Protein backbone atom coordinates (compact mmCIF):
# COMPACT_ATOMS: atom_id res chain seq x y z
CA MET A 1 -57.30 63.17 125.47
CA ASP A 2 -60.06 61.05 126.98
CA PHE A 3 -57.89 57.93 126.58
CA TYR A 4 -55.04 59.44 128.60
CA LEU A 5 -57.32 60.85 131.28
CA GLU A 6 -58.99 57.44 131.71
CA ALA A 7 -55.60 55.72 131.94
CA LEU A 8 -54.42 58.29 134.49
CA ASP A 9 -57.52 57.80 136.64
CA ARG A 10 -57.35 54.00 136.49
CA ASP A 11 -53.66 53.74 137.32
CA TYR A 12 -52.81 56.74 139.53
CA LYS A 13 -55.91 58.47 140.94
CA LYS A 14 -56.38 58.02 144.68
CA PRO A 15 -59.88 57.15 146.00
CA HIS A 16 -60.24 60.57 147.64
CA GLU A 17 -59.33 62.49 144.44
CA ASN A 18 -61.75 63.79 141.83
CA PRO A 19 -61.54 62.57 138.22
CA SER A 20 -58.71 64.05 136.17
CA VAL A 21 -59.40 66.88 133.76
CA GLY A 22 -57.67 67.73 130.51
CA VAL A 23 -56.54 71.16 129.44
CA LEU A 24 -56.05 72.14 125.82
CA LEU A 25 -53.25 74.65 125.32
CA CYS A 26 -53.18 76.13 121.86
CA LYS A 27 -50.53 78.30 120.28
CA GLU A 28 -53.24 80.16 118.37
CA LYS A 29 -56.98 80.49 118.95
CA ASP A 30 -59.01 78.23 116.67
CA ASP A 31 -62.57 77.55 117.83
CA GLU A 32 -63.09 74.86 115.18
CA ILE A 33 -60.11 72.80 116.41
CA VAL A 34 -61.30 73.00 120.02
CA GLU A 35 -64.85 72.06 118.99
CA ILE A 36 -63.61 69.03 117.04
CA ALA A 37 -61.25 67.99 119.85
CA LEU A 38 -64.09 67.97 122.37
CA SER A 39 -66.95 66.74 120.18
CA ARG A 40 -66.72 63.03 121.08
CA SER A 41 -66.65 63.61 124.81
CA LEU A 42 -69.48 61.70 126.49
CA SER A 43 -69.75 64.15 129.34
CA PRO A 44 -70.42 67.83 128.83
CA THR A 45 -67.49 70.19 129.11
CA MET A 46 -68.10 72.59 131.96
CA ILE A 47 -66.21 74.88 134.25
CA ALA A 48 -67.23 74.27 137.82
CA THR A 49 -64.78 76.67 139.42
CA TYR A 50 -62.01 78.92 138.27
CA GLU A 51 -59.07 80.66 139.82
CA THR A 52 -58.85 84.42 139.82
CA HIS A 53 -55.09 84.31 140.38
CA LEU A 54 -53.67 82.76 137.25
CA ILE A 55 -50.12 82.11 136.12
CA ASP A 56 -48.58 85.16 134.50
CA LYS A 57 -49.73 85.19 130.86
CA ALA A 58 -46.23 85.93 129.52
CA LEU A 59 -44.76 82.99 131.47
CA LEU A 60 -47.48 80.65 130.23
CA ARG A 61 -46.96 81.87 126.64
CA ASN A 62 -43.18 81.31 126.91
CA LYS A 63 -43.65 77.80 128.30
CA LEU A 64 -46.12 76.96 125.52
CA HIS A 65 -43.63 78.13 122.88
CA GLU A 66 -40.87 76.17 124.64
CA PHE A 67 -43.00 73.02 124.57
CA TYR A 68 -43.86 73.61 120.91
CA GLU A 69 -40.18 73.91 119.97
CA ILE A 70 -39.27 70.76 121.93
CA SER A 71 -42.07 68.82 120.25
CA LEU A 72 -40.81 69.89 116.80
CA LEU A 73 -37.30 68.69 117.67
CA GLY A 74 -38.71 65.37 118.82
CA GLU A 75 -40.51 64.82 115.51
CA GLY A 76 -37.20 65.05 113.64
CA GLU A 77 -35.69 62.23 115.69
CA ILE A 78 -38.32 59.63 114.79
């Protein structure tokens, strides 16, 4: 993820914008996977602010499942 965030910041980030952040969306909760995914990060992972009005959980879950299904279809075409 760090590779893509760095590329995004180098090529698209405006001078007035903050550095990009990555978000891990997981179909199932697995603390070990998240820990491994973030273990090589040079900067600590922190939450500076958070929103109290989030996207509806059911909508987010449906979109995640939709994305998962699309990604499975894409693997078959390679």
